[in-house]
């Protein structure tokens, strides 16, 4: 199937409609990059899935920034009303693995191959966690950002699904005013909103 110009939101809508018609509630491992981006996704998907938020972001720099972001993620989940229960699983903070993954790409601009390597590093860990713990699906909040390449993210997710055997929930969460809603929810819960993506290189470009 040619995945160019695919409407991932339409594909997601169809899957969710099918689940709703069958009355099925599945488990979903949701890789989250930060609390603000996860807010809308949790509001949206908790009607259909028992969600575990998987916080794995070894790219974040410095360590103090990582600590702030993961605490905000846990706070949001503890305070935000959702349709079905949501849990949080924190992965290891492995900045050395991130630096190894993007070695030689330090000078590339944001949004290119270095970022794609970073996406895959984080999503691979999520896919492996989902496989090890028997989840029905996995996905990532990353497609909610207007600055992230949703096509590339879905391409990576589908490839990892083939490798691990865990279906990837395709998405383009910025659609249906998802990004706008994430800003509204961030204000409602007074979430810390970072002014750079996370890594030392994105911070450098601010």
N, C-alpha and C. Protein backbone atom coordinates (compact mmCIF):
# COMPACT_ATOMS: atom_id res chain seq x y z
N UNK A 1 0.85 -1.20 0.00
CA UNK A 1 0.00 0.00 0.00
C UNK A 1 0.88 1.24 0.00
N UNK A 2 0.57 2.17 -0.90
CA UNK A 2 1.30 3.43 -0.95
C UNK A 2 0.83 4.32 0.20
N UNK A 3 1.76 4.62 1.12
CA UNK A 3 1.37 5.37 2.31
C UNK A 3 1.47 6.88 2.11
N UNK A 4 1.86 7.31 0.92
CA UNK A 4 1.93 8.75 0.68
C UNK A 4 0.53 9.34 0.64
N UNK A 5 0.38 10.49 1.25
CA UNK A 5 -0.89 11.21 1.27
C UNK A 5 -2.02 10.43 1.92
N UNK A 6 -1.68 9.50 2.80
CA UNK A 6 -2.71 8.77 3.55
C UNK A 6 -3.32 9.69 4.60
N UNK A 7 -4.63 9.63 4.75
CA UNK A 7 -5.31 10.38 5.81
C UNK A 7 -5.36 9.49 7.05
N UNK A 8 -4.37 9.65 7.90
CA UNK A 8 -4.26 8.78 9.07
C UNK A 8 -5.38 9.01 10.06
N UNK A 9 -5.90 10.23 10.11
CA UNK A 9 -7.02 10.49 11.01
C UNK A 9 -8.25 9.70 10.58
N UNK A 10 -8.49 9.61 9.27
CA UNK A 10 -9.62 8.82 8.78
C UNK A 10 -9.44 7.35 9.11
N UNK A 11 -8.22 6.86 8.98
CA UNK A 11 -7.95 5.45 9.32
C UNK A 11 -8.21 5.20 10.80
N UNK A 12 -7.79 6.15 11.64
CA UNK A 12 -8.01 6.00 13.08
C UNK A 12 -9.49 6.06 13.40
N UNK A 13 -10.21 7.00 12.78
CA UNK A 13 -11.65 7.10 13.01
C UNK A 13 -12.36 5.79 12.69
N UNK A 14 -11.96 5.16 11.60
CA UNK A 14 -12.61 3.89 11.22
C UNK A 14 -12.32 2.80 12.24
N UNK A 15 -11.08 2.71 12.69
CA UNK A 15 -10.74 1.69 13.68
C UNK A 15 -11.51 1.91 14.99
N UNK A 16 -11.57 3.16 15.43
CA UNK A 16 -12.28 3.47 16.67
C UNK A 16 -13.78 3.18 16.54
N UNK A 17 -14.33 3.47 15.37
CA UNK A 17 -15.74 3.18 15.12
C UNK A 17 -16.00 1.68 15.17
N UNK A 18 -15.10 0.91 14.59
CA UNK A 18 -15.25 -0.55 14.61
C UNK A 18 -15.19 -1.08 16.04
N UNK A 19 -14.25 -0.57 16.83
CA UNK A 19 -14.14 -1.00 18.23
C UNK A 19 -15.41 -0.66 19.00
N UNK A 20 -15.93 0.54 18.74
CA UNK A 20 -17.12 0.99 19.46
C UNK A 20 -18.33 0.12 19.11
N UNK A 21 -18.47 -0.20 17.84
CA UNK A 21 -19.59 -1.04 17.41
C UNK A 21 -19.52 -2.43 18.03
N UNK A 22 -18.32 -2.94 18.20
CA UNK A 22 -18.14 -4.27 18.79
C UNK A 22 -18.21 -4.24 20.31
N UNK A 23 -18.18 -3.01 20.87
CA UNK A 23 -18.20 -2.90 22.33
C UNK A 23 -16.93 -3.37 22.98
N UNK A 24 -15.83 -3.33 22.23
CA UNK A 24 -14.55 -3.83 22.73
C UNK A 24 -13.72 -2.71 23.34
N UNK A 25 -13.09 -2.99 24.45
CA UNK A 25 -12.15 -2.06 25.06
C UNK A 25 -10.78 -2.73 25.09
N UNK A 26 -9.86 -2.19 24.32
CA UNK A 26 -8.54 -2.77 24.19
C UNK A 26 -7.53 -2.02 25.07
N UNK A 27 -6.33 -2.59 25.16
CA UNK A 27 -5.25 -1.92 25.89
C UNK A 27 -4.33 -1.21 24.91
N UNK A 28 -3.86 -0.04 25.31
CA UNK A 28 -3.01 0.78 24.45
C UNK A 28 -1.82 1.29 25.25
N UNK A 29 -0.63 1.08 24.71
CA UNK A 29 0.57 1.70 25.27
C UNK A 29 0.80 2.99 24.49
N UNK A 30 0.71 4.10 25.18
CA UNK A 30 0.83 5.41 24.56
C UNK A 30 2.17 6.03 24.91
N UNK A 31 3.10 6.02 23.94
CA UNK A 31 4.35 6.73 24.18
C UNK A 31 4.04 8.22 24.25
N UNK A 32 4.49 8.89 25.30
CA UNK A 32 4.23 10.32 25.46
C UNK A 32 5.53 11.09 25.49
N UNK A 33 5.55 12.19 24.73
CA UNK A 33 6.74 13.05 24.73
C UNK A 33 6.67 14.07 25.87
N UNK A 34 5.45 14.43 26.29
CA UNK A 34 5.30 15.41 27.38
C UNK A 34 3.83 15.46 27.79
N UNK A 35 3.57 16.04 28.94
CA UNK A 35 2.20 16.14 29.44
C UNK A 35 1.30 16.96 28.53
N UNK A 36 1.73 18.15 28.07
CA UNK A 36 0.83 18.94 27.21
C UNK A 36 0.38 18.17 25.96
N UNK A 37 1.29 17.50 25.30
CA UNK A 37 0.91 16.76 24.09
C UNK A 37 0.02 15.57 24.41
N UNK A 38 0.20 14.97 25.57
CA UNK A 38 -0.62 13.80 25.92
C UNK A 38 -2.03 14.18 26.36
N UNK A 39 -2.24 15.43 26.75
CA UNK A 39 -3.52 15.81 27.35
C UNK A 39 -4.70 15.54 26.42
N UNK A 40 -4.64 16.05 25.21
CA UNK A 40 -5.74 15.83 24.26
C UNK A 40 -5.85 14.36 23.90
N UNK A 41 -4.71 13.70 23.71
CA UNK A 41 -4.73 12.30 23.29
C UNK A 41 -5.40 11.43 24.36
N UNK A 42 -5.13 11.71 25.61
CA UNK A 42 -5.77 10.97 26.69
C UNK A 42 -7.27 11.26 26.73
N UNK A 43 -7.64 12.50 26.58
CA UNK A 43 -9.06 12.85 26.56
C UNK A 43 -9.78 12.13 25.42
N UNK A 44 -9.12 12.08 24.28
CA UNK A 44 -9.69 11.51 23.07
C UNK A 44 -9.78 9.98 23.11
N UNK A 45 -8.68 9.33 23.48
CA UNK A 45 -8.59 7.88 23.34
C UNK A 45 -9.03 7.09 24.57
N UNK A 46 -9.16 7.74 25.72
CA UNK A 46 -9.52 6.98 26.93
C UNK A 46 -10.96 6.49 26.90
N UNK A 47 -11.72 6.92 25.93
CA UNK A 47 -13.07 6.38 25.74
C UNK A 47 -13.03 4.98 25.13
N UNK A 48 -11.93 4.67 24.47
CA UNK A 48 -11.83 3.43 23.70
C UNK A 48 -10.83 2.43 24.25
N UNK A 49 -9.86 2.91 25.03
CA UNK A 49 -8.75 2.05 25.45
C UNK A 49 -8.45 2.19 26.95
N UNK A 50 -7.96 1.10 27.51
CA UNK A 50 -7.27 1.18 28.80
C UNK A 50 -5.83 1.58 28.46
N UNK A 51 -5.46 2.77 28.85
CA UNK A 51 -4.19 3.35 28.40
C UNK A 51 -3.13 3.28 29.50
N UNK A 52 -1.93 2.90 29.09
CA UNK A 52 -0.75 3.10 29.90
C UNK A 52 0.14 4.10 29.18
N UNK A 53 0.40 5.22 29.84
CA UNK A 53 1.30 6.22 29.27
C UNK A 53 2.73 5.76 29.52
N UNK A 54 3.47 5.62 28.44
CA UNK A 54 4.86 5.17 28.54
C UNK A 54 5.75 6.39 28.32
N UNK A 55 6.41 6.81 29.38
CA UNK A 55 7.25 8.00 29.30
C UNK A 55 8.70 7.57 29.10
N UNK A 56 9.12 7.60 27.84
CA UNK A 56 10.50 7.24 27.52
C UNK A 56 11.05 8.28 26.56
N UNK A 57 11.92 9.15 27.08
CA UNK A 57 12.45 10.26 26.30
C UNK A 57 13.90 10.55 26.68
N UNK A 58 14.83 9.69 26.23
CA UNK A 58 16.23 9.87 26.58
C UNK A 58 16.87 11.07 25.90
N UNK A 59 16.15 11.67 24.98
CA UNK A 59 16.66 12.85 24.25
C UNK A 59 16.64 14.12 25.09
N UNK A 60 15.86 14.15 26.15
CA UNK A 60 15.63 15.40 26.87
C UNK A 60 16.89 15.85 27.61
N UNK A 61 17.18 17.12 27.47
CA UNK A 61 18.37 17.73 28.08
C UNK A 61 17.99 19.09 28.63
N UNK A 62 18.53 19.44 29.81
CA UNK A 62 19.39 18.67 30.72
C UNK A 62 18.55 17.75 31.62
N UNK A 63 19.19 16.99 32.52
CA UNK A 63 18.44 16.09 33.41
C UNK A 63 17.35 16.79 34.21
N UNK A 64 17.60 18.04 34.61
CA UNK A 64 16.59 18.77 35.38
C UNK A 64 15.32 18.98 34.55
N UNK A 65 15.52 19.18 33.26
CA UNK A 65 14.37 19.33 32.35
C UNK A 65 13.59 18.03 32.26
N UNK A 66 14.32 16.93 32.19
CA UNK A 66 13.67 15.62 32.16
C UNK A 66 12.82 15.43 33.42
N UNK A 67 13.39 15.73 34.57
CA UNK A 67 12.67 15.54 35.83
C UNK A 67 11.39 16.37 35.86
N UNK A 68 11.48 17.61 35.39
CA UNK A 68 10.31 18.48 35.36
C UNK A 68 9.21 17.91 34.48
N UNK A 69 9.61 17.45 33.31
CA UNK A 69 8.62 16.96 32.36
C UNK A 69 7.95 15.67 32.82
N UNK A 70 8.73 14.76 33.38
CA UNK A 70 8.12 13.50 33.80
C UNK A 70 7.20 13.72 35.00
N UNK A 71 7.55 14.64 35.88
CA UNK A 71 6.66 14.95 37.01
C UNK A 71 5.35 15.55 36.54
N UNK A 72 5.42 16.40 35.52
CA UNK A 72 4.20 16.99 34.97
C UNK A 72 3.33 15.91 34.31
N UNK A 73 3.97 14.95 33.67
CA UNK A 73 3.20 13.86 33.06
C UNK A 73 2.43 13.09 34.13
N UNK A 74 3.10 12.76 35.20
CA UNK A 74 2.45 12.01 36.27
C UNK A 74 1.36 12.83 36.95
N UNK A 75 1.61 14.12 37.11
CA UNK A 75 0.60 14.98 37.73
C UNK A 75 -0.66 15.06 36.87
N UNK A 76 -0.47 15.22 35.57
CA UNK A 76 -1.62 15.30 34.68
C UNK A 76 -2.47 14.05 34.78
N UNK A 77 -1.84 12.89 34.72
CA UNK A 77 -2.59 11.64 34.77
C UNK A 77 -3.33 11.50 36.10
N UNK A 78 -2.74 11.99 37.17
CA UNK A 78 -3.39 11.88 38.48
C UNK A 78 -4.56 12.84 38.64
N UNK A 79 -4.58 13.92 37.87
CA UNK A 79 -5.60 14.96 38.04
C UNK A 79 -6.66 14.99 36.95
N UNK A 80 -6.36 14.50 35.80
CA UNK A 80 -7.27 14.64 34.66
C UNK A 80 -8.34 13.55 34.66
N UNK A 81 -9.62 13.91 34.62
CA UNK A 81 -10.66 12.90 34.53
C UNK A 81 -10.66 12.24 33.16
N UNK A 82 -10.74 10.93 33.14
CA UNK A 82 -10.73 10.18 31.88
C UNK A 82 -11.82 9.12 31.92
N UNK A 83 -12.19 8.63 30.74
CA UNK A 83 -13.30 7.68 30.66
C UNK A 83 -12.94 6.31 31.21
N UNK A 84 -11.74 5.83 30.88
CA UNK A 84 -11.24 4.56 31.38
C UNK A 84 -9.92 4.81 32.12
N UNK A 85 -9.58 3.96 33.07
CA UNK A 85 -8.36 4.19 33.87
C UNK A 85 -7.10 4.34 33.03
N UNK A 86 -6.24 5.26 33.46
CA UNK A 86 -4.95 5.50 32.81
C UNK A 86 -3.84 5.30 33.82
N UNK A 87 -2.80 4.61 33.42
CA UNK A 87 -1.62 4.40 34.26
C UNK A 87 -0.40 5.03 33.60
N UNK A 88 0.67 5.15 34.37
CA UNK A 88 1.93 5.68 33.84
C UNK A 88 3.04 4.67 34.09
N UNK A 89 3.84 4.42 33.06
CA UNK A 89 5.05 3.61 33.19
C UNK A 89 6.22 4.47 32.71
N UNK A 90 7.17 4.69 33.58
CA UNK A 90 8.34 5.51 33.22
C UNK A 90 9.48 4.62 32.77
N UNK A 91 9.95 4.86 31.57
CA UNK A 91 11.12 4.14 31.08
C UNK A 91 12.39 4.69 31.69
N UNK A 92 13.50 4.07 31.38
CA UNK A 92 14.79 4.54 31.90
C UNK A 92 15.20 5.83 31.18
N UNK A 93 15.89 6.67 31.91
CA UNK A 93 16.45 7.89 31.30
C UNK A 93 17.86 7.54 30.83
N UNK A 94 18.04 7.44 29.50
CA UNK A 94 19.28 6.95 28.92
C UNK A 94 19.84 7.95 27.90
N UNK A 95 20.28 9.12 28.36
CA UNK A 95 20.76 10.12 27.40
C UNK A 95 21.94 9.65 26.56
N UNK A 96 22.77 8.78 27.14
CA UNK A 96 23.92 8.28 26.38
C UNK A 96 23.48 7.49 25.15
N UNK A 97 22.33 6.80 25.25
CA UNK A 97 21.80 6.04 24.11
C UNK A 97 21.31 7.00 23.02
N UNK A 98 20.71 8.10 23.43
CA UNK A 98 20.28 9.10 22.45
C UNK A 98 21.48 9.66 21.70
N UNK A 99 22.52 10.06 22.44
CA UNK A 99 23.70 10.64 21.79
C UNK A 99 24.36 9.65 20.84
N UNK A 100 24.37 8.39 21.22
CA UNK A 100 24.94 7.35 20.34
C UNK A 100 24.09 7.21 19.08
N UNK A 101 22.78 7.27 19.24
CA UNK A 101 21.86 7.08 18.12
C UNK A 101 22.00 8.17 17.06
N UNK A 102 22.27 9.40 17.49
CA UNK A 102 22.31 10.53 16.54
C UNK A 102 23.74 10.99 16.26
N UNK A 103 24.71 10.19 16.64
CA UNK A 103 26.11 10.58 16.43
C UNK A 103 26.37 10.84 14.94
N UNK A 104 27.06 11.94 14.66
CA UNK A 104 27.35 12.33 13.29
C UNK A 104 26.30 13.22 12.67
N UNK A 105 25.19 13.40 13.40
CA UNK A 105 24.08 14.22 12.88
C UNK A 105 23.87 15.49 13.71
N UNK A 106 24.84 15.78 14.55
CA UNK A 106 24.67 16.87 15.50
C UNK A 106 24.38 18.22 14.82
N UNK A 107 24.90 18.44 13.64
CA UNK A 107 24.75 19.74 12.98
C UNK A 107 23.55 19.80 12.04
N UNK A 108 22.83 18.73 11.91
CA UNK A 108 21.65 18.75 11.03
C UNK A 108 20.55 19.62 11.64
N UNK A 109 19.75 20.27 10.80
CA UNK A 109 18.67 21.11 11.31
C UNK A 109 17.54 20.29 11.92
N UNK A 110 16.74 20.94 12.75
CA UNK A 110 15.57 20.30 13.35
C UNK A 110 14.61 19.83 12.25
N UNK A 111 13.99 18.70 12.50
CA UNK A 111 12.97 18.21 11.60
C UNK A 111 13.47 17.25 10.54
N UNK A 112 14.76 16.94 10.53
CA UNK A 112 15.33 16.07 9.51
C UNK A 112 15.70 14.70 10.03
N UNK A 113 16.75 14.14 9.46
CA UNK A 113 17.11 12.75 9.73
C UNK A 113 17.47 12.52 11.20
N UNK A 114 18.09 13.50 11.85
CA UNK A 114 18.41 13.31 13.27
C UNK A 114 17.13 13.10 14.08
N UNK A 115 16.13 13.89 13.78
CA UNK A 115 14.85 13.75 14.49
C UNK A 115 14.20 12.40 14.19
N UNK A 116 14.31 11.95 12.93
CA UNK A 116 13.72 10.66 12.58
C UNK A 116 14.37 9.53 13.38
N UNK A 117 15.69 9.62 13.55
CA UNK A 117 16.39 8.61 14.36
C UNK A 117 15.89 8.65 15.81
N UNK A 118 15.67 9.85 16.29
CA UNK A 118 15.17 10.02 17.67
C UNK A 118 13.76 9.46 17.81
N UNK A 119 12.90 9.75 16.83
CA UNK A 119 11.55 9.18 16.86
C UNK A 119 11.62 7.66 16.99
N UNK A 120 12.45 7.06 16.11
CA UNK A 120 12.49 5.61 16.08
C UNK A 120 13.06 5.02 17.36
N UNK A 121 14.05 5.66 17.94
CA UNK A 121 14.61 5.20 19.21
C UNK A 121 13.52 5.10 20.26
N UNK A 122 12.75 6.16 20.40
CA UNK A 122 11.71 6.20 21.44
C UNK A 122 10.55 5.26 21.13
N UNK A 123 10.14 5.25 19.87
CA UNK A 123 9.01 4.41 19.49
C UNK A 123 9.37 2.92 19.53
N UNK A 124 10.62 2.60 19.22
CA UNK A 124 11.05 1.20 19.29
C UNK A 124 10.98 0.69 20.73
N UNK A 125 11.42 1.52 21.66
CA UNK A 125 11.35 1.12 23.06
C UNK A 125 9.89 0.90 23.48
N UNK A 126 9.00 1.76 22.99
CA UNK A 126 7.58 1.61 23.30
C UNK A 126 7.02 0.32 22.70
N UNK A 127 7.36 0.06 21.44
CA UNK A 127 6.87 -1.16 20.79
C UNK A 127 7.36 -2.41 21.51
N UNK A 128 8.61 -2.39 21.93
CA UNK A 128 9.16 -3.55 22.64
C UNK A 128 8.49 -3.72 24.00
N UNK A 129 8.23 -2.59 24.68
CA UNK A 129 7.53 -2.66 25.97
C UNK A 129 6.12 -3.21 25.77
N UNK A 130 5.46 -2.73 24.72
CA UNK A 130 4.10 -3.21 24.44
C UNK A 130 4.09 -4.71 24.17
N UNK A 131 5.09 -5.19 23.41
CA UNK A 131 5.17 -6.62 23.12
C UNK A 131 5.44 -7.42 24.38
N UNK A 132 6.35 -6.95 25.20
CA UNK A 132 6.72 -7.67 26.43
C UNK A 132 5.58 -7.74 27.43
N UNK A 133 4.68 -6.74 27.39
CA UNK A 133 3.62 -6.67 28.40
C UNK A 133 2.23 -6.95 27.84
N UNK A 134 2.17 -7.45 26.62
CA UNK A 134 0.91 -7.95 26.09
C UNK A 134 -0.13 -6.90 25.73
N UNK A 135 0.29 -5.73 25.29
CA UNK A 135 -0.67 -4.69 24.89
C UNK A 135 -1.28 -5.02 23.53
N UNK A 136 -2.51 -4.55 23.34
CA UNK A 136 -3.20 -4.77 22.08
C UNK A 136 -2.69 -3.82 20.98
N UNK A 137 -2.32 -2.60 21.38
CA UNK A 137 -1.84 -1.59 20.45
C UNK A 137 -0.76 -0.75 21.11
N UNK A 138 0.02 -0.06 20.27
CA UNK A 138 0.89 1.00 20.77
C UNK A 138 0.81 2.18 19.81
N UNK A 139 1.12 3.36 20.31
CA UNK A 139 1.18 4.56 19.47
C UNK A 139 1.98 5.63 20.20
N UNK A 140 2.05 6.82 19.61
CA UNK A 140 2.81 7.92 20.21
C UNK A 140 2.02 9.22 20.11
N UNK A 141 2.25 10.10 21.06
CA UNK A 141 1.61 11.43 21.03
C UNK A 141 2.29 12.36 20.03
N UNK A 142 3.42 11.98 19.49
CA UNK A 142 4.25 12.91 18.71
C UNK A 142 3.52 13.52 17.51
N UNK A 143 2.52 12.83 16.96
CA UNK A 143 1.86 13.38 15.77
C UNK A 143 0.97 14.58 16.09
N UNK A 144 0.81 14.93 17.34
CA UNK A 144 -0.01 16.10 17.67
C UNK A 144 0.72 17.40 17.35
N UNK A 145 2.02 17.36 17.27
CA UNK A 145 2.79 18.58 17.05
C UNK A 145 2.76 18.99 15.58
N UNK A 146 2.45 20.26 15.30
CA UNK A 146 2.51 20.75 13.92
C UNK A 146 3.93 20.72 13.36
N UNK A 147 4.92 20.61 14.24
CA UNK A 147 6.32 20.61 13.81
C UNK A 147 6.87 19.21 13.55
N UNK A 148 6.07 18.19 13.83
CA UNK A 148 6.52 16.81 13.63
C UNK A 148 5.94 16.24 12.36
N UNK A 149 6.71 15.38 11.71
CA UNK A 149 6.34 14.77 10.44
C UNK A 149 5.45 13.54 10.72
N UNK A 150 4.14 13.73 10.62
CA UNK A 150 3.21 12.65 10.95
C UNK A 150 3.37 11.47 10.01
N UNK A 151 3.64 11.73 8.73
CA UNK A 151 3.83 10.64 7.79
C UNK A 151 5.00 9.75 8.18
N UNK A 152 6.10 10.39 8.56
CA UNK A 152 7.29 9.64 8.98
C UNK A 152 7.03 8.87 10.26
N UNK A 153 6.35 9.48 11.20
CA UNK A 153 6.05 8.82 12.46
C UNK A 153 5.20 7.57 12.24
N UNK A 154 4.19 7.68 11.39
CA UNK A 154 3.35 6.52 11.11
C UNK A 154 4.12 5.45 10.34
N UNK A 155 4.99 5.87 9.46
CA UNK A 155 5.83 4.92 8.74
C UNK A 155 6.70 4.12 9.71
N UNK A 156 7.30 4.82 10.67
CA UNK A 156 8.12 4.14 11.67
C UNK A 156 7.26 3.20 12.52
N UNK A 157 6.11 3.70 12.96
CA UNK A 157 5.23 2.89 13.80
C UNK A 157 4.79 1.61 13.11
N UNK A 158 4.42 1.70 11.84
CA UNK A 158 3.97 0.52 11.11
C UNK A 158 5.11 -0.48 10.89
N UNK A 159 6.32 0.04 10.68
CA UNK A 159 7.48 -0.84 10.54
C UNK A 159 7.74 -1.59 11.85
N UNK A 160 7.66 -0.87 12.97
CA UNK A 160 7.89 -1.50 14.27
C UNK A 160 6.79 -2.50 14.60
N UNK A 161 5.59 -2.23 14.14
CA UNK A 161 4.49 -3.18 14.36
C UNK A 161 4.79 -4.51 13.66
N UNK A 162 5.34 -4.44 12.45
CA UNK A 162 5.71 -5.66 11.74
C UNK A 162 6.81 -6.41 12.48
N UNK A 163 7.74 -5.67 13.05
CA UNK A 163 8.87 -6.31 13.73
C UNK A 163 8.48 -6.95 15.05
N UNK A 164 7.56 -6.29 15.78
CA UNK A 164 7.23 -6.74 17.14
C UNK A 164 5.94 -7.54 17.23
N UNK A 165 5.07 -7.41 16.22
CA UNK A 165 3.80 -8.11 16.25
C UNK A 165 2.71 -7.38 17.00
N UNK A 166 3.00 -6.18 17.50
CA UNK A 166 1.98 -5.37 18.18
C UNK A 166 1.44 -4.33 17.20
N UNK A 167 0.14 -4.31 16.93
CA UNK A 167 -0.41 -3.35 15.98
C UNK A 167 -0.13 -1.91 16.41
N UNK A 168 0.19 -1.09 15.42
CA UNK A 168 0.42 0.33 15.66
C UNK A 168 -0.85 1.10 15.36
N UNK A 169 -1.26 1.93 16.29
CA UNK A 169 -2.44 2.77 16.12
C UNK A 169 -2.03 4.01 15.34
N UNK A 170 -2.38 4.05 14.05
CA UNK A 170 -2.00 5.20 13.23
C UNK A 170 -2.71 6.45 13.74
N UNK A 171 -2.10 7.60 13.49
CA UNK A 171 -2.69 8.83 14.03
C UNK A 171 -2.18 10.05 13.30
N UNK A 172 -2.94 11.11 13.44
CA UNK A 172 -2.48 12.46 13.14
C UNK A 172 -3.23 13.34 14.13
N UNK A 173 -2.79 13.30 15.36
CA UNK A 173 -3.55 13.88 16.46
C UNK A 173 -3.74 15.39 16.37
N UNK A 174 -2.96 16.04 15.50
CA UNK A 174 -3.16 17.49 15.35
C UNK A 174 -4.47 17.80 14.63
N UNK A 175 -5.00 16.80 13.90
CA UNK A 175 -6.26 16.98 13.20
C UNK A 175 -7.41 17.10 14.20
N UNK A 176 -8.57 17.52 13.72
CA UNK A 176 -9.76 17.70 14.57
C UNK A 176 -9.47 18.66 15.72
N UNK A 177 -8.63 19.67 15.43
CA UNK A 177 -8.25 20.67 16.44
C UNK A 177 -7.55 20.07 17.65
N UNK A 178 -6.87 18.95 17.43
CA UNK A 178 -6.20 18.28 18.55
C UNK A 178 -5.12 19.14 19.19
N UNK A 179 -4.31 19.80 18.37
CA UNK A 179 -3.25 20.63 18.94
C UNK A 179 -3.85 21.80 19.71
N UNK A 180 -4.87 22.42 19.14
CA UNK A 180 -5.54 23.53 19.82
C UNK A 180 -6.11 23.07 21.16
N UNK A 181 -6.72 21.90 21.17
CA UNK A 181 -7.29 21.39 22.42
C UNK A 181 -6.19 21.10 23.44
N UNK A 182 -5.04 20.65 22.99
CA UNK A 182 -3.94 20.39 23.93
C UNK A 182 -3.49 21.68 24.61
N UNK A 183 -3.53 22.78 23.89
CA UNK A 183 -3.17 24.07 24.49
C UNK A 183 -4.21 24.47 25.53
N UNK A 184 -5.48 24.25 25.22
CA UNK A 184 -6.55 24.57 26.17
C UNK A 184 -6.42 23.73 27.44
N UNK A 185 -6.15 22.45 27.29
CA UNK A 185 -6.03 21.58 28.46
C UNK A 185 -4.77 21.91 29.25
N UNK A 186 -3.71 22.30 28.56
CA UNK A 186 -2.49 22.70 29.26
C UNK A 186 -2.75 23.90 30.15
N UNK A 187 -3.53 24.84 29.64
CA UNK A 187 -3.88 26.02 30.44
C UNK A 187 -4.77 25.63 31.61
N UNK A 188 -5.71 24.74 31.36
CA UNK A 188 -6.65 24.32 32.41
C UNK A 188 -5.91 23.67 33.58
N UNK A 189 -4.94 22.82 33.28
CA UNK A 189 -4.21 22.10 34.33
C UNK A 189 -2.89 22.78 34.68
N UNK A 190 -2.68 23.96 34.13
CA UNK A 190 -1.47 24.76 34.41
C UNK A 190 -0.21 23.93 34.20
N UNK A 191 -0.16 23.28 33.06
CA UNK A 191 0.98 22.42 32.75
C UNK A 191 2.20 23.23 32.32
N UNK A 192 3.34 22.75 32.70
CA UNK A 192 4.59 23.33 32.22
C UNK A 192 4.71 23.04 30.73
N UNK A 193 4.85 24.09 29.93
CA UNK A 193 5.01 23.94 28.48
C UNK A 193 6.41 24.40 28.11
N UNK A 194 7.21 23.46 27.67
CA UNK A 194 8.59 23.73 27.30
C UNK A 194 8.65 24.57 26.03
N UNK A 195 9.74 25.30 25.84
CA UNK A 195 9.87 26.13 24.63
C UNK A 195 10.85 25.54 23.63
N UNK A 196 11.22 24.27 23.82
CA UNK A 196 12.02 23.55 22.82
C UNK A 196 11.65 22.08 22.89
N UNK A 197 11.92 21.37 21.81
CA UNK A 197 11.46 19.99 21.71
C UNK A 197 11.98 19.14 22.86
N UNK A 198 13.27 19.23 23.12
CA UNK A 198 13.78 18.44 24.23
C UNK A 198 15.28 18.22 24.25
N UNK A 199 15.87 17.97 23.08
CA UNK A 199 17.29 17.64 23.08
C UNK A 199 18.17 18.89 23.09
N UNK A 200 19.44 18.68 23.33
CA UNK A 200 20.38 19.80 23.41
C UNK A 200 20.47 20.53 22.07
N UNK A 201 20.25 19.81 20.98
CA UNK A 201 20.35 20.43 19.65
C UNK A 201 19.13 21.32 19.36
N UNK A 202 17.95 20.86 19.75
CA UNK A 202 16.76 21.70 19.58
C UNK A 202 16.82 22.92 20.49
N UNK A 203 17.42 22.75 21.65
CA UNK A 203 17.58 23.88 22.56
C UNK A 203 18.52 24.91 21.97
N UNK A 204 19.52 24.46 21.27
CA UNK A 204 20.51 25.32 20.64
C UNK A 204 19.87 26.20 19.57
N UNK A 205 18.83 25.68 18.91
CA UNK A 205 18.20 26.41 17.82
C UNK A 205 17.16 27.42 18.28
N UNK A 206 16.85 27.40 19.57
CA UNK A 206 15.85 28.35 20.07
C UNK A 206 16.39 29.79 20.04
